PDB file of N, CA and C in Angstrom:
ATOM      1  N   MET A   1      86.755   2.471 -90.775  1.00  0.00           N
ATOM      2  CA  MET A   1      86.749   2.653 -92.207  1.00  0.00           C
ATOM      3  C   MET A   1      87.751   3.714 -92.624  1.00  0.00           C
ATOM      4  N   GLY A   2      87.764   4.862 -91.988  1.00  0.00           N
ATOM      5  CA  GLY A   2      88.677   5.906 -92.409  1.00  0.00           C
ATOM      6  C   GLY A   2      88.973   6.881 -91.292  1.00  0.00           C
ATOM      7  N   VAL A   3      90.139   7.510 -91.388  1.00  0.00           N
ATOM      8  CA  VAL A   3      90.561   8.499 -90.407  1.00  0.00           C
ATOM      9  C   VAL A   3      91.126   9.692 -91.161  1.00  0.00           C
ATOM     10  N   VAL A   4      90.650  10.896 -90.831  1.00  0.00           N
ATOM     11  CA  VAL A   4      91.190  12.106 -91.438  1.00  0.00           C
ATOM     12  C   VAL A   4      92.341  12.591 -90.569  1.00  0.00           C
ATOM     13  N   CYS A   5      93.513  12.734 -91.175  1.00  0.00           N
ATOM     14  CA  CYS A   5      94.713  13.201 -90.479  1.00  0.00           C
ATOM     15  C   CYS A   5      95.102  14.574 -91.005  1.00  0.00           C
ATOM     16  N   LYS A   6      96.155  15.129 -90.438  1.00  0.00           N
ATOM     17  CA  LYS A   6      96.641  16.429 -90.873  1.00  0.00           C
ATOM     18  C   LYS A   6      97.159  16.371 -92.312  1.00  0.00           C
ATOM     19  N   ASP A   7      97.779  15.259 -92.683  1.00  0.00           N
ATOM     20  CA  ASP A   7      98.399  15.127 -94.000  1.00  0.00           C
ATOM     21  C   ASP A   7      97.539  14.412 -95.031  1.00  0.00           C
ATOM     22  N   GLY A   8      96.390  13.876 -94.649  1.00  0.00           N
ATOM     23  CA  GLY A   8      95.551  13.151 -95.602  1.00  0.00           C
ATOM     24  C   GLY A   8      94.548  12.262 -94.887  1.00  0.00           C
ATOM     25  N   ILE A   9      94.156  11.188 -95.557  1.00  0.00           N
ATOM     26  CA  ILE A   9      93.147  10.272 -95.027  1.00  0.00           C
ATOM     27  C   ILE A   9      93.674   8.847 -95.117  1.00  0.00           C
ATOM     28  N   ILE A  10      93.425   8.066 -94.077  1.00  0.00           N
ATOM     29  CA  ILE A  10      93.804   6.660 -94.064  1.00  0.00           C
ATOM     30  C   ILE A  10      92.528   5.839 -94.207  1.00  0.00           C
ATOM     31  N   LEU A  11      92.472   4.982 -95.222  1.00  0.00           N
ATOM     32  CA  LEU A  11      91.328   4.088 -95.423  1.00  0.00           C
ATOM     33  C   LEU A  11      91.734   2.669 -95.058  1.00  0.00           C
ATOM     34  N   GLY A  12      90.824   1.956 -94.419  1.00  0.00           N
ATOM     35  CA  GLY A  12      91.078   0.570 -94.081  1.00  0.00           C
ATOM     36  C   GLY A  12      89.777  -0.154 -93.818  1.00  0.00           C
ATOM     37  N   THR A  13      89.838  -1.458 -93.899  1.00  0.00           N
ATOM     38  CA  THR A  13      88.663  -2.278 -93.646  1.00  0.00           C
ATOM     39  C   THR A  13      89.100  -3.654 -93.179  1.00  0.00           C
ATOM     40  N   GLU A  14      88.184  -4.379 -92.577  1.00  0.00           N
ATOM     41  CA  GLU A  14      88.472  -5.728 -92.119  1.00  0.00           C
ATOM     42  C   GLU A  14      87.995  -6.710 -93.175  1.00  0.00           C
ATOM     43  N   LYS A  15      88.860  -7.631 -93.516  1.00  0.00           N
ATOM     44  CA  LYS A  15      88.507  -8.656 -94.494  1.00  0.00           C
ATOM     45  C   LYS A  15      88.385  -9.986 -93.764  1.00  0.00           C
ATOM     46  N   ILE A  16      87.186 -10.519 -93.748  1.00  0.00           N
ATOM     47  CA  ILE A  16      86.927 -11.775 -93.066  1.00  0.00           C
ATOM     48  C   ILE A  16      87.043 -12.901 -94.083  1.00  0.00           C
ATOM     49  N   VAL A  17      87.952 -13.839 -93.841  1.00  0.00           N
ATOM     50  CA  VAL A  17      88.144 -14.965 -94.746  1.00  0.00           C
ATOM     51  C   VAL A  17      87.189 -16.072 -94.319  1.00  0.00           C
ATOM     52  N   LEU A  18      86.254 -16.399 -95.189  1.00  0.00           N
ATOM     53  CA  LEU A  18      85.260 -17.422 -94.884  1.00  0.00           C
ATOM     54  C   LEU A  18      85.707 -18.804 -95.323  1.00  0.00           C
ATOM     55  N   ASN A  19      86.619 -18.868 -96.278  1.00  0.00           N
ATOM     56  CA  ASN A  19      87.014 -20.132 -96.857  1.00  0.00           C
ATOM     57  C   ASN A  19      88.516 -20.117 -97.094  1.00  0.00           C
ATOM     58  N   LYS A  20      89.199 -21.160 -96.673  1.00  0.00           N
ATOM     59  CA  LYS A  20      90.648 -21.220 -96.863  1.00  0.00           C
ATOM     60  C   LYS A  20      91.023 -21.461 -98.319  1.00  0.00           C
ATOM     61  N   MET A  21      90.046 -21.819 -99.146  1.00  0.00           N
ATOM     62  CA  MET A  21      90.326 -22.042-100.563  1.00  0.00           C
ATOM     63  C   MET A  21      90.249 -20.748-101.376  1.00  0.00           C
ATOM     64  N   MET A  22      89.862 -19.639-100.726  1.00  0.00           N
ATOM     65  CA  MET A  22      89.781 -18.361-101.412  1.00  0.00           C
ATOM     66  C   MET A  22      91.185 -17.887-101.772  1.00  0.00           C
ATOM     67  N   VAL A  23      91.358 -17.503-103.008  1.00  0.00           N
ATOM     68  CA  VAL A  23      92.648 -17.023-103.483  1.00  0.00           C
ATOM     69  C   VAL A  23      92.887 -15.634-102.893  1.00  0.00           C
ATOM     70  N   SER A  24      94.071 -15.430-102.329  1.00  0.00           N
ATOM     71  CA  SER A  24      94.351 -14.125-101.729  1.00  0.00           C
ATOM     72  C   SER A  24      94.441 -13.064-102.823  1.00  0.00           C
ATOM     73  N   GLY A  25      93.920 -11.880-102.519  1.00  0.00           N
ATOM     74  CA  GLY A  25      93.935 -10.774-103.468  1.00  0.00           C
ATOM     75  C   GLY A  25      92.728 -10.717-104.383  1.00  0.00           C
ATOM     76  N   THR A  26      91.815 -11.682-104.286  1.00  0.00           N
ATOM     77  CA  THR A  26      90.652 -11.688-105.173  1.00  0.00           C
ATOM     78  C   THR A  26      89.462 -10.928-104.594  1.00  0.00           C
ATOM     79  N   ASP A  27      89.467 -10.694-103.306  1.00  0.00           N
ATOM     80  CA  ASP A  27      88.343 -10.032-102.641  1.00  0.00           C
ATOM     81  C   ASP A  27      88.754  -8.615-102.267  1.00  0.00           C
ATOM     82  N   LYS A  28      88.904  -7.766-103.269  1.00  0.00           N
ATOM     83  CA  LYS A  28      89.397  -6.407-103.058  1.00  0.00           C
ATOM     84  C   LYS A  28      88.294  -5.515-102.501  1.00  0.00           C
ATOM     85  N   ARG A  29      88.644  -4.679-101.517  1.00  0.00           N
ATOM     86  CA  ARG A  29      87.662  -3.802-100.883  1.00  0.00           C
ATOM     87  C   ARG A  29      88.035  -2.329-100.961  1.00  0.00           C
ATOM     88  N   VAL A  30      89.273  -2.005-101.301  1.00  0.00           N
ATOM     89  CA  VAL A  30      89.732  -0.625-101.411  1.00  0.00           C
ATOM     90  C   VAL A  30      89.936  -0.311-102.887  1.00  0.00           C
ATOM     91  N   PHE A  31      89.296   0.772-103.370  1.00  0.00           N
ATOM     92  CA  PHE A  31      89.319   1.114-104.791  1.00  0.00           C
ATOM     93  C   PHE A  31      89.718   2.568-104.991  1.00  0.00           C
ATOM     94  N   SER A  32      90.259   2.862-106.139  1.00  0.00           N
ATOM     95  CA  SER A  32      90.552   4.231-106.542  1.00  0.00           C
ATOM     96  C   SER A  32      89.477   4.661-107.526  1.00  0.00           C
ATOM     97  N   VAL A  33      88.755   5.724-107.198  1.00  0.00           N
ATOM     98  CA  VAL A  33      87.714   6.239-108.082  1.00  0.00           C
ATOM     99  C   VAL A  33      88.350   7.181-109.107  1.00  0.00           C
ATOM    100  N   THR A  34      89.087   8.162-108.632  1.00  0.00           N
ATOM    101  CA  THR A  34      89.883   9.061-109.472  1.00  0.00           C
ATOM    102  C   THR A  34      91.210   9.270-108.750  1.00  0.00           C
ATOM    103  N   LYS A  35      92.035  10.161-109.293  1.00  0.00           N
ATOM    104  CA  LYS A  35      93.304  10.451-108.621  1.00  0.00           C
ATOM    105  C   LYS A  35      93.091  11.156-107.284  1.00  0.00           C
ATOM    106  N   GLN A  36      91.988  11.880-107.145  1.00  0.00           N
ATOM    107  CA  GLN A  36      91.709  12.621-105.924  1.00  0.00           C
ATOM    108  C   GLN A  36      90.725  11.917-104.989  1.00  0.00           C
ATOM    109  N   ILE A  37      90.149  10.811-105.426  1.00  0.00           N
ATOM    110  CA  ILE A  37      89.100  10.151-104.643  1.00  0.00           C
ATOM    111  C   ILE A  37      89.394   8.660-104.525  1.00  0.00           C
ATOM    112  N   GLY A  38      89.400   8.174-103.286  1.00  0.00           N
ATOM    113  CA  GLY A  38      89.528   6.745-103.022  1.00  0.00           C
ATOM    114  C   GLY A  38      88.285   6.262-102.304  1.00  0.00           C
ATOM    115  N   SER A  39      88.046   4.953-102.341  1.00  0.00           N
ATOM    116  CA  SER A  39      86.861   4.419-101.678  1.00  0.00           C
ATOM    117  C   SER A  39      87.173   3.081-101.033  1.00  0.00           C
ATOM    118  N   VAL A  40      86.405   2.772-100.019  1.00  0.00           N
ATOM    119  CA  VAL A  40      86.474   1.474 -99.356  1.00  0.00           C
ATOM    120  C   VAL A  40      85.043   1.006 -99.134  1.00  0.00           C
ATOM    121  N   VAL A  41      84.793  -0.285 -99.362  1.00  0.00           N
ATOM    122  CA  VAL A  41      83.438  -0.834 -99.242  1.00  0.00           C
ATOM    123  C   VAL A  41      83.411  -1.937 -98.189  1.00  0.00           C
ATOM    124  N   ASN A  42      82.272  -2.073 -97.537  1.00  0.00           N
ATOM    125  CA  ASN A  42      82.006  -3.152 -96.593  1.00  0.00           C
ATOM    126  C   ASN A  42      80.667  -3.764 -96.936  1.00  0.00           C
ATOM    127  N   GLY A  43      80.481  -5.007 -96.556  1.00  0.00           N
ATOM    128  CA  GLY A  43      79.228  -5.676 -96.853  1.00  0.00           C
ATOM    129  C   GLY A  43      79.369  -6.536 -98.086  1.00  0.00           C
ATOM    130  N   ILE A  44      78.359  -6.524 -98.929  1.00  0.00           N
ATOM    131  CA  ILE A  44      78.372  -7.330-100.150  1.00  0.00           C
ATOM    132  C   ILE A  44      79.277  -6.639-101.166  1.00  0.00           C
ATOM    133  N   ILE A  45      80.392  -7.272-101.483  1.00  0.00           N
ATOM    134  CA  ILE A  45      81.430  -6.651-102.307  1.00  0.00           C
ATOM    135  C   ILE A  45      80.952  -6.345-103.728  1.00  0.00           C
ATOM    136  N   PRO A  46      80.210  -7.222-104.420  1.00  0.00           N
ATOM    137  CA  PRO A  46      79.742  -6.847-105.758  1.00  0.00           C
ATOM    138  C   PRO A  46      78.856  -5.602-105.772  1.00  0.00           C
ATOM    139  N   ASP A  47      78.041  -5.406-104.737  1.00  0.00           N
ATOM    140  CA  ASP A  47      77.244  -4.180-104.640  1.00  0.00           C
ATOM    141  C   ASP A  47      78.149  -2.967-104.468  1.00  0.00           C
ATOM    142  N   GLY A  48      79.169  -3.104-103.638  1.00  0.00           N
ATOM    143  CA  GLY A  48      80.116  -2.014-103.441  1.00  0.00           C
ATOM    144  C   GLY A  48      80.894  -1.684-104.699  1.00  0.00           C
ATOM    145  N   ARG A  49      81.264  -2.722-105.443  1.00  0.00           N
ATOM    146  CA  ARG A  49      81.978  -2.505-106.699  1.00  0.00           C
ATOM    147  C   ARG A  49      81.079  -1.809-107.712  1.00  0.00           C
ATOM    148  N   ALA A  50      79.798  -2.156-107.742  1.00  0.00           N
ATOM    149  CA  ALA A  50      78.847  -1.490-108.642  1.00  0.00           C
ATOM    150  C   ALA A  50      78.721  -0.015-108.287  1.00  0.00           C
ATOM    151  N   MET A  51      78.705   0.319-106.993  1.00  0.00           N
ATOM    152  CA  MET A  51      78.610   1.718-106.582  1.00  0.00           C
ATOM    153  C   MET A  51      79.907   2.457-106.888  1.00  0.00           C
ATOM    154  N   MET A  52      81.039   1.773-106.805  1.00  0.00           N
ATOM    155  CA  MET A  52      82.311   2.397-107.145  1.00  0.00           C
ATOM    156  C   MET A  52      82.344   2.736-108.640  1.00  0.00           C
ATOM    157  N   TYR A  53      81.864   1.825-109.476  1.00  0.00           N
ATOM    158  CA  TYR A  53      81.794   2.114-110.912  1.00  0.00           C
ATOM    159  C   TYR A  53      80.823   3.264-111.193  1.00  0.00           C
ATOM    160  N   ARG A  54      79.723   3.312-110.451  1.00  0.00           N
ATOM    161  CA  ARG A  54      78.775   4.422-110.590  1.00  0.00           C
ATOM    162  C   ARG A  54      79.431   5.747-110.190  1.00  0.00           C
ATOM    163  N   ALA A  55      80.244   5.710-109.145  1.00  0.00           N
ATOM    164  CA  ALA A  55      80.961   6.916-108.716  1.00  0.00           C
ATOM    165  C   ALA A  55      81.937   7.372-109.802  1.00  0.00           C
ATOM    166  N   ARG A  56      82.591   6.438-110.463  1.00  0.00           N
ATOM    167  CA  ARG A  56      83.493   6.794-111.563  1.00  0.00           C
ATOM    168  C   ARG A  56      82.725   7.472-112.698  1.00  0.00           C
ATOM    169  N   GLU A  57      81.538   6.949-113.005  1.00  0.00           N
ATOM    170  CA  GLU A  57      80.709   7.556-114.046  1.00  0.00           C
ATOM    171  C   GLU A  57      80.277   8.963-113.648  1.00  0.00           C
ATOM    172  N   GLU A  58      79.882   9.137-112.387  1.00  0.00           N
ATOM    173  CA  GLU A  58      79.463  10.460-111.904  1.00  0.00           C
ATOM    174  C   GLU A  58      80.614  11.457-112.013  1.00  0.00           C
ATOM    175  N   CYS A  59      81.818  11.043-111.667  1.00  0.00           N
ATOM    176  CA  CYS A  59      82.990  11.926-111.757  1.00  0.00           C
ATOM    177  C   CYS A  59      83.250  12.336-113.199  1.00  0.00           C
ATOM    178  N   GLU A  60      83.163  11.369-114.096  1.00  0.00           N
ATOM    179  CA  GLU A  60      83.398  11.638-115.516  1.00  0.00           C
ATOM    180  C   GLU A  60      82.338  12.581-116.086  1.00  0.00           C
ATOM    181  N   GLN A  61      81.063  12.334-115.768  1.00  0.00           N
ATOM    182  CA  GLN A  61      79.982  13.178-116.267  1.00  0.00           C
ATOM    183  C   GLN A  61      80.077  14.594-115.721  1.00  0.00           C
ATOM    184  N   TYR A  62      80.436  14.742-114.453  1.00  0.00           N
ATOM    185  CA  TYR A  62      80.545  16.069-113.846  1.00  0.00           C
ATOM    186  C   TYR A  62      81.659  16.870-114.517  1.00  0.00           C
ATOM    187  N   GLU A  63      82.790  16.214-114.762  1.00  0.00           N
ATOM    188  CA  GLU A  63      83.904  16.916-115.392  1.00  0.00           C
ATOM    189  C   GLU A  63      83.586  17.311-116.831  1.00  0.00           C
ATOM    190  N   LYS A  64      82.860  16.458-117.560  1.00  0.00           N
ATOM    191  CA  LYS A  64      82.450  16.810-118.923  1.00  0.00           C
ATOM    192  C   LYS A  64      81.465  17.972-118.932  1.00  0.00           C
ATOM    193  N   MET A  65      80.554  17.986-117.972  1.00  0.00           N
ATOM    194  CA  MET A  65      79.506  19.001-117.935  1.00  0.00           C
ATOM    195  C   MET A  65      80.031  20.361-117.466  1.00  0.00           C
ATOM    196  N   PHE A  66      80.831  20.375-116.381  1.00  0.00           N
ATOM    197  CA  PHE A  66      81.224  21.634-115.761  1.00  0.00           C
ATOM    198  C   PHE A  66      82.686  22.008-115.977  1.00  0.00           C
ATOM    199  N   GLY A  67      83.503  21.083-116.451  1.00  0.00           N
ATOM    200  CA  GLY A  67      84.903  21.392-116.739  1.00  0.00           C
ATOM    201  C   GLY A  67      85.816  21.425-115.533  1.00  0.00           C
ATOM    202  N   ILE A  68      85.326  20.995-114.364  1.00  0.00           N
ATOM    203  CA  ILE A  68      86.163  20.918-113.166  1.00  0.00           C
ATOM    204  C   ILE A  68      85.982  19.550-112.517  1.00  0.00           C
ATOM    205  N   LYS A  69      86.883  19.201-111.610  1.00  0.00           N
ATOM    206  CA  LYS A  69      86.764  17.945-110.864  1.00  0.00           C
ATOM    207  C   LYS A  69      85.577  18.030-109.912  1.00  0.00           C
ATOM    208  N   ILE A  70      84.940  16.909-109.686  1.00  0.00           N
ATOM    209  CA  ILE A  70      83.759  16.881-108.819  1.00  0.00           C
ATOM    210  C   ILE A  70      84.173  17.071-107.358  1.00  0.00           C
ATOM    211  N   PRO A  71      83.488  17.960-106.627  1.00  0.00           N
ATOM    212  CA  PRO A  71      83.751  18.085-105.186  1.00  0.00           C
ATOM    213  C   PRO A  71      83.268  16.828-104.451  1.00  0.00           C
ATOM    214  N   GLY A  72      83.912  16.521-103.348  1.00  0.00           N
ATOM    215  CA  GLY A  72      83.566  15.323-102.588  1.00  0.00           C
ATOM    216  C   GLY A  72      82.135  15.316-102.094  1.00  0.00           C
ATOM    217  N   ALA A  73      81.636  16.467-101.658  1.00  0.00           N
ATOM    218  CA  ALA A  73      80.266  16.544-101.145  1.00  0.00           C
ATOM    219  C   ALA A  73      79.252  16.238-102.242  1.00  0.00           C
ATOM    220  N   VAL A  74      79.510  16.688-103.449  1.00  0.00           N
ATOM    221  CA  VAL A  74      78.590  16.450-104.567  1.00  0.00           C
ATOM    222  C   VAL A  74      78.587  14.969-104.930  1.00  0.00           C
ATOM    223  N   LEU A  75      79.770  14.356-104.982  1.00  0.00           N
ATOM    224  CA  LEU A  75      79.843  12.932-105.299  1.00  0.00           C
ATOM    225  C   LEU A  75      79.132  12.106-104.236  1.00  0.00           C
ATOM    226  N   ALA A  76      79.386  12.399-102.969  1.00  0.00           N
ATOM    227  CA  ALA A  76      78.752  11.646-101.886  1.00  0.00           C
ATOM    228  C   ALA A  76      77.237  11.799-101.929  1.00  0.00           C
ATOM    229  N   GLU A  77      76.754  12.999-102.227  1.00  0.00           N
ATOM    230  CA  GLU A  77      75.304  13.223-102.305  1.00  0.00           C
ATOM    231  C   GLU A  77      74.681  12.444-103.456  1.00  0.00           C
ATOM    232  N   ARG A  78      75.344  12.438-104.598  1.00  0.00           N
ATOM    233  CA  ARG A  78      74.801  11.706-105.757  1.00  0.00           C
ATOM    234  C   ARG A  78      74.774  10.202-105.513  1.00  0.00           C
ATOM    235  N   ILE A  79      75.808   9.662-104.894  1.00  0.00           N
ATOM    236  CA  ILE A  79      75.826   8.224-104.608  1.00  0.00           C
ATOM    237  C   ILE A  79      74.818   7.892-103.512  1.00  0.00           C
ATOM    238  N   ALA A  80      74.663   8.766-102.531  1.00  0.00           N
ATOM    239  CA  ALA A  80      73.661   8.548-101.480  1.00  0.00           C
ATOM    240  C   ALA A  80      72.258   8.515-102.073  1.00  0.00           C
ATOM    241  N   LEU A  81      72.003   9.338-103.073  1.00  0.00           N
ATOM    242  CA  LEU A  81      70.698   9.310-103.740  1.00  0.00           C
ATOM    243  C   LEU A  81      70.473   7.984-104.456  1.00  0.00           C
ATOM    244  N   GLN A  82      71.525   7.403-105.021  1.00  0.00           N
ATOM    245  CA  GLN A  82      71.399   6.087-105.659  1.00  0.00           C
ATOM    246  C   GLN A  82      71.039   5.024-104.616  1.00  0.00           C
ATOM    247  N   PHE A  83      71.705   5.064-103.467  1.00  0.00           N
ATOM    248  CA  PHE A  83      71.387   4.127-102.388  1.00  0.00           C
ATOM    249  C   PHE A  83      69.945   4.310-101.934  1.00  0.00           C
ATOM    250  N   GLN A  84      69.548   5.552-101.736  1.00  0.00           N
ATOM    251  CA  GLN A  84      68.209   5.837-101.225  1.00  0.00           C
ATOM    252  C   GLN A  84      67.136   5.434-102.218  1.00  0.00           C
ATOM    253  N   MET A  85      67.407   5.608-103.506  1.00  0.00           N
ATOM    254  CA  MET A  85      66.445   5.218-104.525  1.00  0.00           C
ATOM    255  C   MET A  85      66.192   3.711-104.479  1.00  0.00           C
ATOM    256  N   ARG A  86      67.232   2.941-104.183  1.00  0.00           N
ATOM    257  CA  ARG A  86      67.076   1.497-104.110  1.00  0.00           C
ATOM    258  C   ARG A  86      66.268   1.042-102.905  1.00  0.00           C
ATOM    259  N   THR A  87      66.162   1.897-101.880  1.00  0.00           N
ATOM    260  CA  THR A  87      65.409   1.496-100.694  1.00  0.00           C
ATOM    261  C   THR A  87      63.931   1.872-100.778  1.00  0.00           C
ATOM    262  N   ILE A  88      63.573   2.892-101.572  1.00  0.00           N
ATOM    263  CA  ILE A  88      62.174   3.333-101.567  1.00  0.00           C
ATOM    264  C   ILE A  88      61.323   2.664-102.629  1.00  0.00           C
ATOM    265  N   TYR A  89      61.938   2.096-103.664  1.00  0.00           N
ATOM    266  CA  TYR A  89      61.167   1.448-104.716  1.00  0.00           C
ATOM    267  C   TYR A  89      61.112  -0.054-104.482  1.00  0.00           C
ATOM    268  N   ALA A  90      59.916  -0.602-104.525  1.00  0.00           N
ATOM    269  CA  ALA A  90      59.728  -2.014-104.224  1.00  0.00           C
ATOM    270  C   ALA A  90      60.297  -2.928-105.307  1.00  0.00           C
ATOM    271  N   SER A  91      60.458  -2.430-106.515  1.00  0.00           N
ATOM    272  CA  SER A  91      60.929  -3.291-107.599  1.00  0.00           C
ATOM    273  C   SER A  91      62.445  -3.460-107.592  1.00  0.00           C
ATOM    274  N   TYR A  92      63.170  -2.739-106.732  1.00  0.00           N
ATOM    275  CA  TYR A  92      64.627  -2.838-106.652  1.00  0.00           C
ATOM    276  C   TYR A  92      65.045  -3.494-105.343  1.00  0.00           C
ATOM    277  N   ARG A  93      66.133  -4.225-105.411  1.00  0.00           N
ATOM    278  CA  ARG A  93      66.728  -4.789-104.204  1.00  0.00           C
ATOM    279  C   ARG A  93      67.670  -3.748-103.608  1.00  0.00           C
ATOM    280  N   PRO A  94      67.557  -3.465-102.312  1.00  0.00           N
ATOM    281  CA  PRO A  94      68.468  -2.481-101.709  1.00  0.00           C
ATOM    282  C   PRO A  94      69.913  -2.977-101.756  1.00  0.00           C
ATOM    283  N   TYR A  95      70.837  -2.045-101.809  1.00  0.00           N
ATOM    284  CA  TYR A  95      72.243  -2.407-101.778  1.00  0.00           C
ATOM    285  C   TYR A  95      72.606  -2.918-100.393  1.00  0.00           C
ATOM    286  N   GLY A  96      73.414  -3.930-100.339  1.00  0.00           N
ATOM    287  CA  GLY A  96      73.851  -4.519 -99.072  1.00  0.00           C
ATOM    288  C   GLY A  96      75.274  -4.132 -98.737  1.00  0.00           C
ATOM    289  N   THR A  97      75.605  -2.891 -98.923  1.00  0.00           N
ATOM    290  CA  THR A  97      76.965  -2.437 -98.668  1.00  0.00           C
ATOM    291  C   THR A  97      76.953  -1.005 -98.180  1.00  0.00           C
ATOM    292  N   SER A  98      78.008  -0.642 -97.524  1.00  0.00           N
ATOM    293  CA  SER A  98      78.249   0.765 -97.213  1.00  0.00           C
ATOM    294  C   SER A  98      79.555   1.148 -97.896  1.00  0.00           C
ATOM    295  N   ILE A  99      79.701   2.418 -98.206  1.00  0.00           N
ATOM    296  CA  ILE A  99      80.881   2.869 -98.926  1.00  0.00           C
ATOM    297  C   ILE A  99      81.378   4.161 -98.287  1.00  0.00           C
ATOM    298  N   ALA A 100      82.686   4.287 -98.226  1.00  0.00           N
ATOM    299  CA  ALA A 100      83.312   5.505 -97.711  1.00  0.00           C
ATOM    300  C   ALA A 100      84.201   6.083 -98.800  1.00  0.00           C
ATOM    301  N   PHE A 101      84.117   7.394 -98.992  1.00  0.00           N
ATOM    302  CA  PHE A 101      84.949   8.089 -99.968  1.00  0.00           C
ATOM    303  C   PHE A 101      85.937   8.987 -99.234  1.00  0.00           C
ATOM    304  N   ALA A 102      87.184   8.898 -99.599  1.00  0.00           N
ATOM    305  CA  ALA A 102      88.211   9.829 -99.141  1.00  0.00           C
ATOM    306  C   ALA A 102      88.473  10.762-100.314  1.00  0.00           C
ATOM    307  N   THR A 103      88.180  12.050-100.133  1.00  0.00           N
ATOM    308  CA  THR A 103      88.281  13.002-101.241  1.00  0.00           C
ATOM    309  C   THR A 103      89.242  14.128-100.894  1.00  0.00           C
ATOM    310  N   HIS A 104      89.765  14.738-101.938  1.00  0.00           N
ATOM    311  CA  HIS A 104      90.593  15.926-101.764  1.00  0.00           C
ATOM    312  C   HIS A 104      90.253  16.893-102.883  1.00  0.00           C
ATOM    313  N   ASP A 105      89.841  18.102-102.519  1.00  0.00           N
ATOM    314  CA  ASP A 105      89.598  19.140-103.513  1.00  0.00           C
ATOM    315  C   ASP A 105      90.199  20.449-103.026  1.00  0.00           C
ATOM    316  N   ASN A 106      90.285  21.424-103.922  1.00  0.00           N
ATOM    317  CA  ASN A 106      90.936  22.693-103.615  1.00  0.00           C
ATOM    318  C   ASN A 106      90.160  23.544-102.620  1.00  0.00           C
ATOM    319  N   MET A 107      88.842  23.366-102.556  1.00  0.00           N
ATOM    320  CA  MET A 107      88.030  24.215-101.684  1.00  0.00           C
ATOM    321  C   MET A 107      88.041  23.735-100.237  1.00  0.00           C
ATOM    322  N   LYS A 108      87.846  22.434-100.011  1.00  0.00           N
ATOM    323  CA  LYS A 108      87.728  21.922 -98.641  1.00  0.00           C
ATOM    324  C   LYS A 108      88.927  21.115 -98.187  1.00  0.00           C
ATOM    325  N   GLY A 109      89.814  20.761 -99.085  1.00  0.00           N
ATOM    326  CA  GLY A 109      90.950  19.923 -98.713  1.00  0.00           C
ATOM    327  C   GLY A 109      90.519  18.473 -98.579  1.00  0.00           C
ATOM    328  N   ALA A 110      91.104  17.767 -97.632  1.00  0.00           N
ATOM    329  CA  ALA A 110      90.787  16.350 -97.432  1.00  0.00           C
ATOM    330  C   ALA A 110      89.483  16.203 -96.664  1.00  0.00           C
ATOM    331  N   ALA A 111      88.650  15.269 -97.108  1.00  0.00           N
ATOM    332  CA  ALA A 111      87.363  15.014 -96.445  1.00  0.00           C
ATOM    333  C   ALA A 111      87.026  13.537 -96.553  1.00  0.00           C
ATOM    334  N   LEU A 112      86.300  13.046 -95.581  1.00  0.00           N
ATOM    335  CA  LEU A 112      85.873  11.654 -95.540  1.00  0.00           C
ATOM    336  C   LEU A 112      84.351  11.627 -95.544  1.00  0.00           C
ATOM    337  N   TRP A 113      83.764  10.866 -96.467  1.00  0.00           N
ATOM    338  CA  TRP A 113      82.301  10.773 -96.607  1.00  0.00           C
ATOM    339  C   TRP A 113      81.881   9.322 -96.469  1.00  0.00           C
ATOM    340  N   MET A 114      80.905   9.062 -95.618  1.00  0.00           N
ATOM    341  CA  MET A 114      80.383   7.723 -95.386  1.00  0.00           C
ATOM    342  C   MET A 114      78.949   7.659 -95.868  1.00  0.00           C
ATOM    343  N   ILE A 115      78.617   6.609 -96.631  1.00  0.00           N
ATOM    344  CA  ILE A 115      77.249   6.435 -97.129  1.00  0.00           C
ATOM    345  C   ILE A 115      76.765   5.057 -96.706  1.00  0.00           C
ATOM    346  N   GLU A 116      75.623   5.017 -96.070  1.00  0.00           N
ATOM    347  CA  GLU A 116      75.043   3.780 -95.578  1.00  0.00           C
ATOM    348  C   GLU A 116      74.038   3.224 -96.580  1.00  0.00           C
ATOM    349  N   PRO A 117      73.651   1.950 -96.438  1.00  0.00           N
ATOM    350  CA  PRO A 117      72.694   1.352 -97.378  1.00  0.00           C
ATOM    351  C   PRO A 117      71.334   2.042 -97.424  1.00  0.00           C
ATOM    352  N   SER A 118      70.959   2.748 -96.366  1.00  0.00           N
ATOM    353  CA  SER A 118      69.671   3.449 -96.351  1.00  0.00           C
ATOM    354  C   SER A 118      69.713   4.729 -97.172  1.00  0.00           C
ATOM    355  N   GLY A 119      70.914   5.188 -97.548  1.00  0.00           N
ATOM    356  CA  GLY A 119      71.046   6.429 -98.281  1.00  0.00           C
ATOM    357  C   GLY A 119      71.481   7.589 -97.409  1.00  0.00           C
ATOM    358  N   GLN A 120      71.696   7.318 -96.130  1.00  0.00           N
ATOM    359  CA  GLN A 120      72.158   8.371 -95.230  1.00  0.00           C
ATOM    360  C   GLN A 120      73.626   8.658 -95.488  1.00  0.00           C
ATOM    361  N   MET A 121      73.960   9.934 -95.575  1.00  0.00           N
ATOM    362  CA  MET A 121      75.318  10.368 -95.871  1.00  0.00           C
ATOM    363  C   MET A 121      75.813  11.238 -94.732  1.00  0.00           C
ATOM    364  N   PHE A 122      77.023  10.981 -94.295  1.00  0.00           N
ATOM    365  CA  PHE A 122      77.623  11.863 -93.285  1.00  0.00           C
ATOM    366  C   PHE A 122      79.120  11.871 -93.442  1.00  0.00           C
TER     367      PHE A 122
END
């Protein structure tokens, strides 16, 4: 999913083509959340896209509230809580995707955060 290097982070994923009639470029898995944060999703792509949009909302709300860009650890923790909430409540369907965030902030520099469908973050 991702590799942290001296100069930054490399994100990548495997795209399995199930149907030859699928139009190339329609099944996007790598997204830009903000200028400092990128993401890659695996599993069910619509679930991953929903979490990416949620991450964009979290970034926007954090900047409005505190006046600074969101740190990567805070974003990963907030998204992990969303994943975990979907697993503990019986009325919700758990997300069928994992997501990785490549972040860069002034305090920690480049960092890679992985969030699993269970809500575990590392």
